[in-house]
Amino acid sequence: MLKIEPTIMERLITERDFHGRIKLFKEEIGINIFTCNGLPAIIEYSLNKIYSSKGNVNMNQLAAETGYSTRYLRKQFDAHVGMPPKLFSQIVRFQNSLHMLLNKQAFTVWDVINENGYFDQSHLINEFKKFGYLTPTEFIDAVSKKFSNPI
């Protein structure tokens, strides 16, 4: 029988906790980002700050903490990570939201909104559509169907 390996996205979604997802990300995707010999301290600090805050970091605050302007921080992030820090933060926040919604503890949408710094339900829905192309409910239903009816 042919065994289908789970995709990196499926592995990230089903990881038990946020720190496990960070470890998986570093192993599978982030290795090029985090092992670069010439990685400036500003980028290392920023990546760690974004991960430790679960993506809830204000770029002005991050710039003030590093002592650099937001423009310089954005340029350095683009050069070394390949995307602006704001987008990277949104992706980290989205990953954390996914984990909460798919967690067996059955977090509600309101828990996800409060825990992850969304302004309201529409903010959460817009971000889910941006990264997952579905609303949170549609995404959970699609994932539930996939895992309940394996091919």
C-alpha atoms as a PDB file:
ATOM      1  CA  MET A   1       0.000   0.000   0.000  1.00  0.00           C
ATOM      2  CA  LEU A   2       1.273   3.470  -0.916  1.00  0.00           C
ATOM      3  CA  LYS A   3       1.958   5.654   2.107  1.00  0.00           C
ATOM      4  CA  ILE A   4       1.484   9.385   1.519  1.00  0.00           C
ATOM      5  CA  GLU A   5       3.773  11.614   3.563  1.00  0.00           C
ATOM      6  CA  PRO A   6       2.092  14.647   5.140  1.00  0.00           C
ATOM      7  CA  THR A   7       2.959  18.019   3.642  1.00  0.00           C
ATOM      8  CA  ILE A   8       4.890  20.598   5.632  1.00  0.00           C
ATOM      9  CA  MET A   9       1.637  22.573   6.126  1.00  0.00           C
ATOM     10  CA  GLU A  10      -0.139  19.500   7.536  1.00  0.00           C
ATOM     11  CA  ARG A  11       2.806  18.829   9.834  1.00  0.00           C
ATOM     12  CA  LEU A  12       2.785  22.461  11.038  1.00  0.00           C
ATOM     13  CA  ILE A  13      -0.965  22.363  11.671  1.00  0.00           C
ATOM     14  CA  THR A  14      -0.884  19.125  13.635  1.00  0.00           C
ATOM     15  CA  GLU A  15       2.176  20.028  15.725  1.00  0.00           C
ATOM     16  CA  ARG A  16       1.287  19.931  19.450  1.00  0.00           C
ATOM     17  CA  ASP A  17       2.454  23.373  20.510  1.00  0.00           C
ATOM     18  CA  PHE A  18       3.800  26.649  19.191  1.00  0.00           C
ATOM     19  CA  HIS A  19       7.401  25.848  20.131  1.00  0.00           C
ATOM     20  CA  GLY A  20       7.116  22.564  18.230  1.00  0.00           C
ATOM     21  CA  ARG A  21       5.977  24.496  15.139  1.00  0.00           C
ATOM     22  CA  ILE A  22       8.934  26.854  15.511  1.00  0.00           C
ATOM     23  CA  LYS A  23      11.294  23.878  15.700  1.00  0.00           C
ATOM     24  CA  LEU A  24       9.671  22.259  12.649  1.00  0.00           C
ATOM     25  CA  PHE A  25       9.814  25.562  10.748  1.00  0.00           C
ATOM     26  CA  LYS A  26      13.496  25.980  11.570  1.00  0.00           C
ATOM     27  CA  GLU A  27      14.243  22.385  10.519  1.00  0.00           C
ATOM     28  CA  GLU A  28      12.268  22.388   7.280  1.00  0.00           C
ATOM     29  CA  ILE A  29      12.008  25.960   6.033  1.00  0.00           C
ATOM     30  CA  GLY A  30      13.924  28.346   8.222  1.00  0.00           C
ATOM     31  CA  ILE A  31      17.257  26.604   7.960  1.00  0.00           C
ATOM     32  CA  ASN A  32      18.327  28.986   5.213  1.00  0.00           C
ATOM     33  CA  ILE A  33      17.211  31.990   7.231  1.00  0.00           C
ATOM     34  CA  PHE A  34      18.659  31.015  10.602  1.00  0.00           C
ATOM     35  CA  THR A  35      21.959  29.444   9.493  1.00  0.00           C
ATOM     36  CA  CYS A  36      23.126  32.261   7.264  1.00  0.00           C
ATOM     37  CA  ASN A  37      26.644  33.170   8.395  1.00  0.00           C
ATOM     38  CA  GLY A  38      26.171  36.863   7.694  1.00  0.00           C
ATOM     39  CA  LEU A  39      22.858  37.275   9.523  1.00  0.00           C
ATOM     40  CA  PRO A  40      22.898  40.698  11.193  1.00  0.00           C
ATOM     41  CA  ALA A  41      22.091  40.929  14.884  1.00  0.00           C
ATOM     42  CA  ILE A  42      19.092  43.168  14.076  1.00  0.00           C
ATOM     43  CA  ILE A  43      17.510  40.356  12.049  1.00  0.00           C
ATOM     44  CA  GLU A  44      18.271  37.683  14.653  1.00  0.00           C
ATOM     45  CA  TYR A  45      16.778  39.852  17.378  1.00  0.00           C
ATOM     46  CA  SER A  46      13.732  40.711  15.254  1.00  0.00           C
ATOM     47  CA  LEU A  47      13.028  37.079  14.309  1.00  0.00           C
ATOM     48  CA  ASN A  48      13.254  35.984  17.934  1.00  0.00           C
ATOM     49  CA  LYS A  49      11.047  38.876  19.072  1.00  0.00           C
ATOM     50  CA  ILE A  50       8.413  38.069  16.431  1.00  0.00           C
ATOM     51  CA  TYR A  51       8.368  34.386  17.364  1.00  0.00           C
ATOM     52  CA  SER A  52       8.309  34.990  21.109  1.00  0.00           C
ATOM     53  CA  SER A  53       5.401  37.439  20.725  1.00  0.00           C
ATOM     54  CA  LYS A  54       3.570  34.984  18.424  1.00  0.00           C
ATOM     55  CA  GLY A  55       3.545  37.622  15.703  1.00  0.00           C
ATOM     56  CA  ASN A  56       2.107  40.366  17.892  1.00  0.00           C
ATOM     57  CA  VAL A  57       4.826  42.937  17.623  1.00  0.00           C
ATOM     58  CA  ASN A  58       4.444  46.506  16.459  1.00  0.00           C
ATOM     59  CA  MET A  59       7.035  47.502  13.861  1.00  0.00           C
ATOM     60  CA  ASN A  60       7.549  50.921  15.522  1.00  0.00           C
ATOM     61  CA  GLN A  61       8.192  49.167  18.839  1.00  0.00           C
ATOM     62  CA  LEU A  62      10.591  46.719  17.165  1.00  0.00           C
ATOM     63  CA  ALA A  63      12.439  49.588  15.501  1.00  0.00           C
ATOM     64  CA  ALA A  64      12.701  51.454  18.816  1.00  0.00           C
ATOM     65  CA  GLU A  65      14.030  48.338  20.595  1.00  0.00           C
ATOM     66  CA  THR A  66      16.673  47.733  17.927  1.00  0.00           C
ATOM     67  CA  GLY A  67      17.621  51.393  17.592  1.00  0.00           C
ATOM     68  CA  TYR A  68      17.026  51.445  13.854  1.00  0.00           C
ATOM     69  CA  SER A  69      14.319  53.098  11.760  1.00  0.00           C
ATOM     70  CA  THR A  70      11.360  51.074  10.510  1.00  0.00           C
ATOM     71  CA  ARG A  71      12.537  51.745   6.954  1.00  0.00           C
ATOM     72  CA  TYR A  72      16.015  50.315   7.639  1.00  0.00           C
ATOM     73  CA  LEU A  73      14.526  47.352   9.492  1.00  0.00           C
ATOM     74  CA  ARG A  74      12.199  46.639   6.550  1.00  0.00           C
ATOM     75  CA  LYS A  75      15.082  46.853   4.047  1.00  0.00           C
ATOM     76  CA  GLN A  76      17.234  44.491   6.115  1.00  0.00           C
ATOM     77  CA  PHE A  77      14.356  42.064   6.535  1.00  0.00           C
ATOM     78  CA  ASP A  78      13.683  42.076   2.787  1.00  0.00           C
ATOM     79  CA  ALA A  79      17.358  41.412   2.083  1.00  0.00           C
ATOM     80  CA  HIS A  80      17.857  38.611   4.617  1.00  0.00           C
ATOM     81  CA  VAL A  81      14.428  37.019   5.095  1.00  0.00           C
ATOM     82  CA  GLY A  82      12.837  37.805   1.749  1.00  0.00           C
ATOM     83  CA  MET A  83       9.759  39.577   3.058  1.00  0.00           C
ATOM     84  CA  PRO A  84       8.897  42.599   5.206  1.00  0.00           C
ATOM     85  CA  PRO A  85       8.754  42.105   8.999  1.00  0.00           C
ATOM     86  CA  LYS A  86       5.055  42.971   9.071  1.00  0.00           C
ATOM     87  CA  LEU A  87       4.207  40.143   6.639  1.00  0.00           C
ATOM     88  CA  PHE A  88       6.449  37.735   8.549  1.00  0.00           C
ATOM     89  CA  SER A  89       4.644  38.699  11.779  1.00  0.00           C
ATOM     90  CA  GLN A  90       1.261  38.133  10.148  1.00  0.00           C
ATOM     91  CA  ILE A  91       2.361  34.665   9.008  1.00  0.00           C
ATOM     92  CA  VAL A  92       3.538  33.763  12.523  1.00  0.00           C
ATOM     93  CA  ARG A  93       0.251  35.038  13.988  1.00  0.00           C
ATOM     94  CA  PHE A  94      -1.710  33.071  11.369  1.00  0.00           C
ATOM     95  CA  GLN A  95       0.230  29.902  12.248  1.00  0.00           C
ATOM     96  CA  ASN A  96      -0.545  30.373  15.921  1.00  0.00           C
ATOM     97  CA  SER A  97      -4.219  30.996  15.132  1.00  0.00           C
ATOM     98  CA  LEU A  98      -4.347  27.833  13.037  1.00  0.00           C
ATOM     99  CA  HIS A  99      -2.885  25.829  15.857  1.00  0.00           C
ATOM    100  CA  MET A 100      -5.406  27.179  18.336  1.00  0.00           C
ATOM    101  CA  LEU A 101      -8.395  26.486  16.073  1.00  0.00           C
ATOM    102  CA  LEU A 102      -7.231  22.971  15.255  1.00  0.00           C
ATOM    103  CA  ASN A 103      -6.194  22.154  18.804  1.00  0.00           C
ATOM    104  CA  LYS A 104      -8.101  19.448  20.601  1.00  0.00           C
ATOM    105  CA  GLN A 105      -8.843  21.861  23.484  1.00  0.00           C
ATOM    106  CA  ALA A 106     -11.478  23.451  21.234  1.00  0.00           C
ATOM    107  CA  PHE A 107     -10.602  27.117  21.399  1.00  0.00           C
ATOM    108  CA  THR A 108     -13.359  29.378  20.138  1.00  0.00           C
ATOM    109  CA  VAL A 109     -12.928  32.042  17.470  1.00  0.00           C
ATOM    110  CA  TRP A 110     -13.156  34.658  20.239  1.00  0.00           C
ATOM    111  CA  ASP A 111     -10.280  32.978  22.105  1.00  0.00           C
ATOM    112  CA  VAL A 112      -8.196  33.160  18.918  1.00  0.00           C
ATOM    113  CA  ILE A 113      -9.089  36.837  18.418  1.00  0.00           C
ATOM    114  CA  ASN A 114      -8.140  37.771  21.989  1.00  0.00           C
ATOM    115  CA  GLU A 115      -5.012  35.601  22.224  1.00  0.00           C
ATOM    116  CA  ASN A 116      -3.524  36.646  18.891  1.00  0.00           C
ATOM    117  CA  GLY A 117      -4.144  40.376  18.922  1.00  0.00           C
ATOM    118  CA  TYR A 118      -6.805  40.644  16.230  1.00  0.00           C
ATOM    119  CA  PHE A 119      -8.971  43.753  16.463  1.00  0.00           C
ATOM    120  CA  ASP A 120     -12.220  41.911  15.746  1.00  0.00           C
ATOM    121  CA  GLN A 121     -13.721  38.938  13.929  1.00  0.00           C
ATOM    122  CA  SER A 122     -13.490  40.578  10.496  1.00  0.00           C
ATOM    123  CA  HIS A 123      -9.748  41.171  11.023  1.00  0.00           C
ATOM    124  CA  LEU A 124      -9.298  37.438  11.756  1.00  0.00           C
ATOM    125  CA  ILE A 125     -11.416  36.430   8.750  1.00  0.00           C
ATOM    126  CA  ASN A 126      -9.499  38.755   6.399  1.00  0.00           C
ATOM    127  CA  GLU A 127      -6.162  37.357   7.531  1.00  0.00           C
ATOM    128  CA  PHE A 128      -7.404  33.783   7.114  1.00  0.00           C
ATOM    129  CA  LYS A 129      -8.578  34.574   3.605  1.00  0.00           C
ATOM    130  CA  LYS A 130      -5.230  36.201   2.852  1.00  0.00           C
ATOM    131  CA  PHE A 131      -3.161  33.165   3.861  1.00  0.00           C
ATOM    132  CA  GLY A 132      -5.593  30.250   3.745  1.00  0.00           C
ATOM    133  CA  TYR A 133      -7.993  31.480   1.032  1.00  0.00           C
ATOM    134  CA  LEU A 134     -10.910  30.478   3.266  1.00  0.00           C
ATOM    135  CA  THR A 135     -12.677  31.791   6.339  1.00  0.00           C
ATOM    136  CA  PRO A 136     -11.635  30.145   9.625  1.00  0.00           C
ATOM    137  CA  THR A 137     -14.798  28.027   9.664  1.00  0.00           C
ATOM    138  CA  GLU A 138     -14.363  26.925   6.043  1.00  0.00           C
ATOM    139  CA  PHE A 139     -10.714  26.117   6.709  1.00  0.00           C
ATOM    140  CA  ILE A 140     -11.490  24.002   9.798  1.00  0.00           C
ATOM    141  CA  ASP A 141     -14.244  22.159   7.912  1.00  0.00           C
ATOM    142  CA  ALA A 142     -11.892  21.439   4.992  1.00  0.00           C
ATOM    143  CA  VAL A 143      -9.118  20.167   7.270  1.00  0.00           C
ATOM    144  CA  SER A 144     -11.570  18.100   9.327  1.00  0.00           C
ATOM    145  CA  LYS A 145     -12.901  16.422   6.178  1.00  0.00           C
ATOM    146  CA  LYS A 146      -9.385  15.685   4.953  1.00  0.00           C
ATOM    147  CA  PHE A 147      -8.308  14.048   8.209  1.00  0.00           C
ATOM    148  CA  SER A 148     -11.587  12.193   8.754  1.00  0.00           C
ATOM    149  CA  ASN A 149     -11.661  10.792   5.188  1.00  0.00           C
ATOM    150  CA  PRO A 150      -8.078   9.931   4.222  1.00  0.00           C
ATOM    151  CA  ILE A 151      -7.537   8.823   0.660  1.00  0.00           C
END
